[in-house]
Amino acid sequence: MKSGFSGSAGALAAGALGMAACLVGTSPEALAAEPGDPPEAGEFGFSVGAEYSSGEYGGNRSVEDLYVPVTGWYRRNGYALRLTVPYLRVEAPEGTVIEGPGGQPVPGDGPTVTESGLGDVILGASAYDAWTAMDGSLAVDLHGKVKLGTADEDNGLGTGETDFTLQADLLRFMPGVTALASAGYVARGDPRAFDLDDGLIASLGALFDLPGNARLGAFLDYQEAAFRLNDDRLELVGALSWRAGDWRTLCSVSAGLSDSAPDWSVGLSVFPR
């Protein structure tokens, strides 16, 4: 529980974070694209995915989370707009609240219950190659995201509040490798039952070109704690994408390095071509 390459390898890098980290830079339309120039006339696309995560998140009992997002996008001339509508299923102690995709659940202490339904709808926008070095070795991509409080707060599927995120990616292009450093800030709404703090997010990693137009990514993701009883979230993320016929597939796995990160997660996303 959240994308050369079309326009730049930066678009790919953010896409590889896609299912793995659910950061604001997530833009699966870029990962689905084949190398080439960004479309001048614009194009639409969509992806369907699923991610399963498990962890205690600072509590003493497991929180099991199935996140199934459907994302549609429009991109043109290095810009992209996207809309994500997710299904969410959570098995956790009663009173648990899911902060949102890629966030930190606030653990409850009641009997284990299962809740499901619409998750938080996400609106996102990206500007690829907002700045580039004259020799083409460096680029900056910019991303923004609005998480709408559409998930049922009474059942703990969300906070019921709207959150805003801004993020910048710095990319270093080398033969067969793209290094990525990201930093951003999340401004969170104020739920009725408890306080959430705004905070920093960051990521550091690299993408490697593989034969057959496949791509492999490895990242270290950080998120400043939103709830006072949680510690900061830190996890290792790996992602692999490949094309088979008219489909591109993205597979991701993660391992938590802090108590407030999921112990593990695995995700799969597909993009029709």
Protein backbone atom coordinates (compact mmCIF):
# COMPACT_ATOMS: atom_id res chain seq x y z
CA MET A 1 0.00 0.00 0.00
CA LYS A 2 1.44 2.92 -4.74
CA SER A 3 7.59 5.50 -14.27
CA GLY A 4 13.26 5.86 -22.44
CA PHE A 5 11.76 5.68 -23.04
CA SER A 6 9.24 8.12 -24.03
CA GLY A 7 10.49 11.62 -23.53
CA SER A 8 13.37 10.50 -21.29
CA ALA A 9 14.76 7.63 -19.32
CA GLY A 10 13.46 9.57 -16.36
CA ALA A 11 9.96 8.60 -17.34
CA LEU A 12 11.03 4.98 -17.27
CA ALA A 13 12.66 5.35 -13.90
CA ALA A 14 9.54 6.74 -12.31
CA GLY A 15 7.50 3.97 -13.90
CA ALA A 16 9.75 1.28 -12.50
CA LEU A 17 8.98 2.66 -9.08
CA GLY A 18 5.33 2.24 -10.01
CA MET A 19 3.84 -0.77 -8.27
CA ALA A 20 6.95 -1.15 -6.15
CA ALA A 21 6.84 2.10 -4.27
CA CYS A 22 3.68 3.93 -5.26
CA LEU A 23 5.47 7.26 -5.09
CA VAL A 24 4.08 10.27 -6.80
CA GLY A 25 6.43 9.70 -9.72
CA THR A 26 4.55 6.56 -10.58
CA SER A 27 3.67 6.81 -14.28
CA PRO A 28 3.06 3.43 -15.85
CA GLU A 29 2.32 4.93 -19.25
CA ALA A 30 6.00 5.81 -19.55
CA LEU A 31 7.17 2.35 -18.61
CA ALA A 32 4.76 0.83 -21.11
CA ALA A 33 6.15 2.98 -23.91
CA GLU A 34 8.89 1.80 -26.24
CA PRO A 35 11.99 3.92 -26.89
CA GLY A 36 11.29 6.90 -29.07
CA ASP A 37 10.09 10.48 -29.07
CA PRO A 38 7.08 11.53 -27.01
CA PRO A 39 3.86 11.67 -29.04
CA GLU A 40 3.18 15.16 -30.35
CA ALA A 41 -0.50 14.49 -31.05
CA GLY A 42 -1.05 12.83 -27.71
CA GLU A 43 -2.10 9.31 -26.82
CA PHE A 44 -4.21 7.50 -24.26
CA GLY A 45 -3.37 4.29 -22.43
CA PHE A 46 -4.17 2.27 -19.34
CA SER A 47 -2.72 -0.32 -16.98
CA VAL A 48 -4.14 -2.87 -14.56
CA GLY A 49 -2.19 -4.13 -11.57
CA ALA A 50 -2.27 -5.86 -8.21
CA GLU A 51 0.00 -5.61 -5.17
CA TYR A 52 -0.09 -7.71 -2.01
CA SER A 53 1.75 -6.56 1.10
CA SER A 54 2.12 -7.88 4.62
CA GLY A 55 3.56 -6.35 7.77
CA GLU A 56 2.94 -5.32 11.37
CA TYR A 57 3.74 -1.61 10.83
CA GLY A 58 4.92 -1.05 14.38
CA GLY A 59 2.09 -3.06 15.94
CA ASN A 60 2.18 -6.66 17.11
CA ARG A 61 -0.24 -8.22 14.61
CA SER A 62 -0.18 -8.58 10.86
CA VAL A 63 -1.89 -6.25 8.38
CA GLU A 64 -2.56 -7.94 5.02
CA ASP A 65 -3.30 -5.58 2.13
CA LEU A 66 -4.43 -6.28 -1.45
CA TYR A 67 -4.31 -3.19 -3.70
CA VAL A 68 -5.71 -3.42 -7.26
CA PRO A 69 -5.33 -0.15 -9.22
CA VAL A 70 -6.68 0.63 -12.68
CA THR A 71 -4.85 3.60 -14.18
CA GLY A 72 -5.67 5.58 -17.29
CA TRP A 73 -3.38 8.24 -18.73
CA TYR A 74 -2.93 10.80 -21.46
CA ARG A 75 0.53 11.95 -22.55
CA ARG A 76 1.84 14.45 -25.04
CA ASN A 77 5.11 16.31 -25.63
CA GLY A 78 6.78 15.16 -22.43
CA TYR A 79 3.75 15.73 -20.21
CA ALA A 80 1.40 13.16 -18.71
CA LEU A 81 -1.90 13.18 -16.82
CA ARG A 82 -3.27 10.12 -15.04
CA LEU A 83 -6.22 8.88 -13.05
CA THR A 84 -6.00 5.84 -10.75
CA VAL A 85 -9.09 4.11 -9.37
CA PRO A 86 -8.18 1.28 -6.95
CA TYR A 87 -9.91 -1.61 -5.21
CA LEU A 88 -8.63 -2.28 -1.69
CA ARG A 89 -8.98 -5.31 0.56
CA VAL A 90 -7.48 -5.27 4.06
CA GLU A 91 -7.32 -7.96 6.73
CA ALA A 92 -6.17 -6.34 9.98
CA PRO A 93 -7.01 -5.74 13.64
CA GLU A 94 -10.20 -3.73 14.01
CA GLY A 95 -9.43 -0.02 14.26
CA THR A 96 -6.59 -0.13 11.73
CA VAL A 97 -6.59 2.82 9.34
CA ILE A 98 -4.92 2.68 5.91
CA GLU A 99 -3.25 6.02 5.28
CA GLY A 100 -3.22 5.56 1.50
CA PRO A 101 -1.18 3.92 -1.28
CA GLY A 102 2.46 3.72 -0.19
CA GLY A 103 1.60 5.12 3.24
CA GLN A 104 1.90 3.74 6.76
CA PRO A 105 -1.17 2.01 8.23
CA VAL A 106 -2.10 3.06 11.74
CA PRO A 107 -2.50 -0.32 13.52
CA GLY A 108 -5.63 -1.09 15.55
CA ASP A 109 -5.99 -3.42 18.52
CA GLY A 110 -9.38 -5.07 18.04
CA PRO A 111 -10.24 -8.51 16.65
CA THR A 112 -9.06 -9.30 13.13
CA VAL A 113 -11.56 -8.14 10.51
CA THR A 114 -11.61 -7.94 6.71
CA GLU A 115 -12.77 -4.81 4.91
CA SER A 116 -12.86 -4.10 1.18
CA GLY A 117 -14.08 -1.53 -1.29
CA LEU A 118 -13.02 1.52 -3.26
CA GLY A 119 -9.62 2.88 -2.30
CA ASP A 120 -8.41 6.46 -2.56
CA VAL A 121 -8.70 7.81 -6.11
CA ILE A 122 -5.47 9.48 -7.29
CA LEU A 123 -4.96 12.30 -9.79
CA GLY A 124 -1.41 12.73 -11.06
CA ALA A 125 0.62 14.83 -13.48
CA SER A 126 4.23 14.64 -14.68
CA ALA A 127 6.57 16.87 -16.66
CA TYR A 128 9.50 14.91 -18.09
CA ASP A 129 12.79 16.64 -18.95
CA ALA A 130 11.71 19.81 -17.15
CA TRP A 131 15.45 20.55 -17.14
CA THR A 132 18.22 18.82 -19.10
CA ALA A 133 21.97 19.30 -19.20
CA MET A 134 23.37 20.54 -22.52
CA ASP A 135 25.21 17.26 -23.08
CA GLY A 136 22.09 15.21 -22.27
CA SER A 137 23.72 13.40 -19.34
CA LEU A 138 21.38 14.82 -16.67
CA ALA A 139 17.66 15.53 -16.52
CA VAL A 140 15.04 16.57 -13.98
CA ASP A 141 11.46 15.28 -14.02
CA LEU A 142 8.68 16.86 -11.93
CA HIS A 143 5.59 15.11 -10.55
CA GLY A 144 2.48 16.08 -8.63
CA LYS A 145 -0.24 13.96 -7.08
CA VAL A 146 -3.57 14.52 -5.34
CA LYS A 147 -4.93 11.64 -3.26
CA LEU A 148 -8.67 12.09 -2.86
CA GLY A 149 -10.27 10.78 0.33
CA THR A 150 -12.66 8.41 -1.44
CA ALA A 151 -11.90 5.27 0.62
CA ASP A 152 -14.36 4.43 3.42
CA GLU A 153 -12.90 6.00 6.57
CA ASP A 154 -15.50 4.31 8.81
CA ASN A 155 -14.12 0.91 7.77
CA GLY A 156 -10.48 2.03 7.99
CA LEU A 157 -9.81 1.87 4.24
CA GLY A 158 -8.63 5.48 4.24
CA THR A 159 -8.38 8.65 6.28
CA GLY A 160 -11.19 10.39 4.40
CA GLU A 161 -8.86 13.32 3.73
CA THR A 162 -7.16 14.75 0.65
CA ASP A 163 -3.35 14.64 0.47
CA PHE A 164 -1.02 16.52 -1.88
CA THR A 165 2.44 15.41 -3.01
CA LEU A 166 5.18 17.09 -5.03
CA GLN A 167 8.33 15.26 -6.18
CA ALA A 168 11.41 15.90 -8.30
CA ASP A 169 13.61 13.23 -9.90
CA LEU A 170 17.25 13.81 -10.86
CA LEU A 171 18.51 11.35 -13.48
CA ARG A 172 22.02 10.55 -14.63
CA PHE A 173 22.22 8.75 -17.98
CA MET A 174 25.05 6.32 -18.70
CA PRO A 175 25.39 3.55 -21.30
CA GLY A 176 22.95 0.83 -20.28
CA VAL A 177 22.31 2.38 -16.85
CA THR A 178 20.20 5.24 -15.51
CA ALA A 179 20.83 6.43 -11.93
CA LEU A 180 17.93 8.07 -10.11
CA ALA A 181 17.65 10.26 -7.01
CA SER A 182 14.20 11.52 -5.97
CA ALA A 183 12.95 13.85 -3.26
CA GLY A 184 9.46 15.05 -2.45
CA TYR A 185 7.05 16.31 0.17
CA VAL A 186 3.61 15.07 1.25
CA ALA A 187 1.04 17.48 2.73
CA ARG A 188 -1.59 15.37 4.49
CA GLY A 189 -5.16 16.19 5.50
CA ASP A 190 -6.27 16.02 9.14
CA PRO A 191 -8.41 12.97 10.00
CA ARG A 192 -11.04 13.27 12.72
CA ALA A 193 -9.69 10.55 15.01
CA PHE A 194 -5.93 11.26 15.05
CA ASP A 195 -3.24 13.61 13.76
CA LEU A 196 -1.04 12.94 10.74
CA ASP A 197 2.13 14.91 10.04
CA ASP A 198 3.36 16.15 6.70
CA GLY A 199 6.68 14.68 5.65
CA LEU A 200 9.50 14.01 3.23
CA ILE A 201 9.80 11.15 0.76
CA ALA A 202 12.96 10.11 -1.08
CA SER A 203 14.36 7.35 -3.27
CA LEU A 204 17.78 6.36 -4.58
CA GLY A 205 18.45 3.68 -7.16
CA ALA A 206 19.28 2.68 -10.71
CA LEU A 207 17.77 1.12 -13.84
CA PHE A 208 19.62 -1.36 -16.02
CA ASP A 209 18.86 -2.16 -19.66
CA LEU A 210 18.61 -5.89 -20.37
CA PRO A 211 18.46 -7.81 -23.66
CA GLY A 212 15.10 -8.06 -25.36
CA ASN A 213 13.96 -4.58 -24.31
CA ALA A 214 13.69 -5.65 -20.67
CA ARG A 215 14.54 -3.33 -17.77
CA LEU A 216 15.65 -4.05 -14.21
CA GLY A 217 15.48 -1.55 -11.35
CA ALA A 218 16.71 -1.51 -7.75
CA PHE A 219 15.79 1.25 -5.28
CA LEU A 220 16.02 2.29 -1.64
CA ASP A 221 12.83 4.13 -0.65
CA TYR A 222 12.35 6.40 2.38
CA GLN A 223 9.25 8.04 3.82
CA GLU A 224 9.14 10.22 6.92
CA ALA A 225 6.67 8.92 9.52
CA ALA A 226 3.17 10.38 9.30
CA PHE A 227 1.87 9.05 12.65
CA ARG A 228 3.64 9.92 15.91
CA LEU A 229 3.82 6.29 17.09
CA ASN A 230 5.38 5.05 13.84
CA ASP A 231 9.01 5.28 12.83
CA ASP A 232 10.17 6.32 9.37
CA ARG A 233 9.46 3.88 6.52
CA LEU A 234 12.48 2.40 4.75
CA GLU A 235 12.45 -0.44 2.23
CA LEU A 236 14.34 -2.05 -0.62
CA VAL A 237 12.46 -2.36 -3.91
CA GLY A 238 13.21 -4.34 -7.05
CA ALA A 239 11.34 -4.10 -10.35
CA LEU A 240 11.57 -5.94 -13.67
CA SER A 241 9.68 -5.10 -16.86
CA TRP A 242 9.57 -6.92 -20.18
CA ARG A 243 7.53 -7.06 -23.35
CA ALA A 244 5.75 -10.16 -24.67
CA GLY A 245 3.74 -9.68 -27.84
CA ASP A 246 1.32 -6.80 -27.40
CA TRP A 247 1.78 -6.58 -23.65
CA ARG A 248 4.38 -5.10 -21.35
CA THR A 249 4.58 -6.52 -17.83
CA LEU A 250 6.04 -5.00 -14.67
CA CYS A 251 6.82 -7.19 -11.67
CA SER A 252 8.00 -5.77 -8.34
CA VAL A 253 9.07 -7.03 -4.91
CA SER A 254 10.04 -5.20 -1.73
CA ALA A 255 11.56 -5.95 1.66
CA GLY A 256 11.04 -3.73 4.69
CA LEU A 257 14.04 -2.30 6.55
CA SER A 258 12.08 -0.56 9.33
CA ASP A 259 9.18 -1.50 11.62
CA SER A 260 6.78 0.84 9.80
CA ALA A 261 7.48 -0.67 6.37
CA PRO A 262 5.72 -3.81 5.13
CA ASP A 263 7.74 -6.95 5.84
CA TRP A 264 7.36 -7.80 2.17
CA SER A 265 5.27 -7.04 -0.88
CA VAL A 266 4.90 -8.36 -4.40
CA GLY A 267 3.21 -6.64 -7.34
CA LEU A 268 2.31 -7.23 -10.97
CA SER A 269 1.07 -4.74 -13.55
CA VAL A 270 0.27 -5.16 -17.26
CA PHE A 271 0.03 -2.63 -20.07
CA PRO A 272 -1.72 -3.50 -23.34
CA ARG A 273 0.02 -2.13 -26.39
